[in-house]
Amino acid sequence: MHDIMRVAATITASIAVESRFREHVSTLNLASESYFLEKDYGKDLRELFIGVICVESKFEDFFKGRLPEYRKQGKQYVQQGVLVQTNPFTFMYSKKLDYDSYLKLENEAFCNLLARDILASLTDINSCKQIKDFDFDDFYSSFERFFVELNWILVV
């Protein structure tokens, strides 16, 4: 049996940027299902959930984000009225993005900045001392290639 890797993102955003974020995060989630499915970077990380937060500064106090959290065991809980189940070896964190930077960007530049911000946020994985058997460099390189295939970043 082959182990799998799952990557998914959620979005919390102010109205002016919400539809663009929803569109691109949906694209990311759909494309990542097949891209990362058969990849194996080590046994200590099987699922990665990134909470993307991009709200106007006047709302930032209401959206603090989630501290990085690693779960070696699966867990069931209710969040906003929805039953959520996490699998073993799951890492979750939130990344606050600069609202003003995204507000005026068009599609291509929007995707490029989102890809760069997500790539920069991946270093949170290294802060988790419980994740030992995981090839971060290979995972990061795969994520870069993933964004190149989506045409969110250009090959340099």
Protein backbone atom coordinates (compact mmCIF):
# COMPACT_ATOMS: atom_id res chain seq x y z
CA MET A 1 0.00 0.00 0.00
CA HIS A 2 1.27 3.43 -0.97
CA ASP A 3 1.11 6.26 1.55
CA ILE A 4 -0.49 9.48 0.41
CA MET A 5 0.09 13.17 1.03
CA ARG A 6 -2.83 15.58 1.20
CA VAL A 7 -2.52 19.35 0.92
CA ALA A 8 -5.48 21.69 1.34
CA ALA A 9 -6.14 25.33 2.09
CA THR A 10 -9.03 27.31 3.51
CA ILE A 11 -9.74 31.00 3.09
CA THR A 12 -11.02 33.78 5.30
CA ALA A 13 -11.04 37.08 3.42
CA SER A 14 -12.66 40.49 3.25
CA ILE A 15 -15.36 40.94 0.64
CA ALA A 16 -13.23 42.96 -1.80
CA VAL A 17 -10.80 40.05 -2.31
CA GLU A 18 -12.89 37.07 -1.20
CA SER A 19 -14.13 35.88 -4.61
CA ARG A 20 -10.62 35.91 -6.10
CA PHE A 21 -9.20 34.03 -3.12
CA ARG A 22 -12.03 31.49 -3.21
CA GLU A 23 -11.47 30.87 -6.91
CA HIS A 24 -7.71 30.38 -6.56
CA VAL A 25 -7.83 28.39 -3.32
CA SER A 26 -10.44 26.13 -4.92
CA THR A 27 -8.11 25.64 -7.90
CA LEU A 28 -5.23 24.90 -5.53
CA ASN A 29 -7.27 22.34 -3.58
CA LEU A 30 -8.55 20.53 -6.67
CA ALA A 31 -5.16 20.42 -8.37
CA SER A 32 -3.31 19.38 -5.22
CA GLU A 33 -5.54 16.32 -4.76
CA SER A 34 -3.98 14.57 -7.72
CA TYR A 35 -0.57 16.26 -7.65
CA PHE A 36 0.42 15.26 -4.12
CA LEU A 37 -1.63 12.05 -3.88
CA GLU A 38 1.12 9.52 -4.64
CA LYS A 39 4.00 11.55 -3.24
CA ASP A 40 5.81 10.34 -0.15
CA TYR A 41 8.01 12.74 1.81
CA GLY A 42 8.26 10.71 5.02
CA LYS A 43 5.96 9.09 7.54
CA ASP A 44 5.57 12.00 9.99
CA LEU A 45 3.48 14.26 7.75
CA ARG A 46 0.53 13.01 5.70
CA GLU A 47 -1.80 16.02 5.66
CA LEU A 48 -1.10 19.72 5.50
CA PHE A 49 -3.86 22.29 6.04
CA ILE A 50 -3.08 25.95 5.43
CA GLY A 51 -5.56 28.55 6.63
CA VAL A 52 -5.19 31.66 4.47
CA ILE A 53 -6.38 34.89 6.12
CA CYS A 54 -6.57 38.15 4.18
CA VAL A 55 -8.74 40.78 5.83
CA GLU A 56 -8.82 44.55 6.02
CA SER A 57 -6.77 45.95 8.89
CA LYS A 58 -9.91 47.04 10.76
CA PHE A 59 -10.94 43.33 10.98
CA GLU A 60 -7.55 41.81 11.86
CA ASP A 61 -8.31 41.66 15.59
CA PHE A 62 -11.25 39.36 14.84
CA PHE A 63 -9.15 36.94 12.78
CA LYS A 64 -6.11 35.99 14.82
CA GLY A 65 -5.38 32.82 12.91
CA ARG A 66 -4.33 29.46 14.20
CA LEU A 67 -1.00 28.68 15.75
CA PRO A 68 0.81 25.80 14.06
CA GLU A 69 -0.58 22.51 15.34
CA TYR A 70 0.61 18.97 14.73
CA ARG A 71 -1.54 15.94 15.39
CA LYS A 72 0.12 12.58 15.48
CA GLN A 73 -3.29 11.01 16.22
CA GLY A 74 -6.51 11.70 14.33
CA LYS A 75 -9.21 13.78 16.00
CA GLN A 76 -12.89 14.62 15.53
CA TYR A 77 -14.29 18.00 16.50
CA VAL A 78 -17.02 20.45 15.52
CA GLN A 79 -15.96 23.73 13.93
CA GLN A 80 -18.59 26.29 12.98
CA GLY A 81 -21.27 23.61 13.16
CA VAL A 82 -19.44 21.19 10.87
CA LEU A 83 -17.98 17.87 12.00
CA VAL A 84 -14.29 17.84 11.11
CA GLN A 85 -12.06 14.79 11.26
CA THR A 86 -8.32 15.03 11.00
CA ASN A 87 -6.21 12.04 10.17
CA PRO A 88 -3.00 11.05 11.92
CA PHE A 89 0.16 12.98 11.06
CA THR A 90 -1.60 16.24 10.23
CA PHE A 91 -0.03 19.71 10.41
CA MET A 92 -2.25 22.79 10.41
CA TYR A 93 -1.44 26.48 10.52
CA SER A 94 -2.73 29.86 9.40
CA LYS A 95 -0.98 32.51 7.38
CA LYS A 96 -2.10 36.13 7.50
CA LEU A 97 -1.56 37.86 4.18
CA ASP A 98 -1.25 41.58 3.53
CA TYR A 99 -4.70 42.74 2.39
CA ASP A 100 -3.44 45.91 0.67
CA SER A 101 -0.95 43.91 -1.39
CA TYR A 102 -3.73 41.72 -2.85
CA LEU A 103 -6.46 44.33 -3.22
CA LYS A 104 -5.40 45.85 -6.54
CA LEU A 105 -3.68 42.87 -8.15
CA GLU A 106 -4.94 41.33 -11.35
CA ASN A 107 -5.22 37.57 -11.86
CA GLU A 108 -1.64 36.65 -12.83
CA ALA A 109 0.04 38.85 -10.21
CA PHE A 110 -2.53 37.73 -7.61
CA CYS A 111 -1.70 34.05 -8.21
CA ASN A 112 2.03 34.74 -8.20
CA LEU A 113 1.88 36.53 -4.84
CA LEU A 114 -0.36 33.85 -3.35
CA ALA A 115 2.06 31.12 -4.49
CA ARG A 116 5.04 33.02 -3.07
CA ASP A 117 3.25 33.62 0.26
CA ILE A 118 2.27 29.96 0.58
CA LEU A 119 5.81 28.81 -0.25
CA ALA A 120 7.24 31.21 2.35
CA SER A 121 4.78 29.90 4.94
CA LEU A 122 5.88 26.29 4.50
CA THR A 123 8.83 26.94 6.79
CA ASP A 124 6.32 26.63 9.67
CA ILE A 125 6.63 22.87 9.14
CA ASN A 126 10.28 23.05 10.22
CA SER A 127 9.26 24.69 13.50
CA CYS A 128 7.52 21.48 14.58
CA LYS A 129 10.03 19.33 16.44
CA GLN A 130 7.65 16.34 16.38
CA ILE A 131 7.98 16.07 12.59
CA LYS A 132 11.26 14.22 12.16
CA ASP A 133 10.77 11.79 9.28
CA PHE A 134 9.90 14.30 6.56
CA ASP A 135 11.93 15.48 3.56
CA PHE A 136 11.14 19.18 3.70
CA ASP A 137 13.47 20.13 0.83
CA ASP A 138 11.85 17.62 -1.53
CA PHE A 139 8.37 18.73 -0.42
CA TYR A 140 9.23 22.40 -0.94
CA SER A 141 10.65 21.66 -4.42
CA SER A 142 7.49 19.70 -5.29
CA PHE A 143 5.34 22.60 -4.14
CA GLU A 144 7.34 24.97 -6.35
CA ARG A 145 6.87 22.64 -9.34
CA PHE A 146 3.18 22.41 -8.49
CA PHE A 147 2.84 26.19 -8.73
CA VAL A 148 4.84 26.23 -11.98
CA GLU A 149 2.43 23.65 -13.45
CA LEU A 150 -0.50 25.84 -12.37
CA ASN A 151 1.24 28.78 -14.09
CA TRP A 152 1.21 30.71 -10.83
CA ILE A 153 4.97 31.18 -10.88
CA LEU A 154 7.34 31.22 -13.81
CA VAL A 155 10.40 29.03 -14.13
CA VAL A 156 13.52 31.12 -13.54
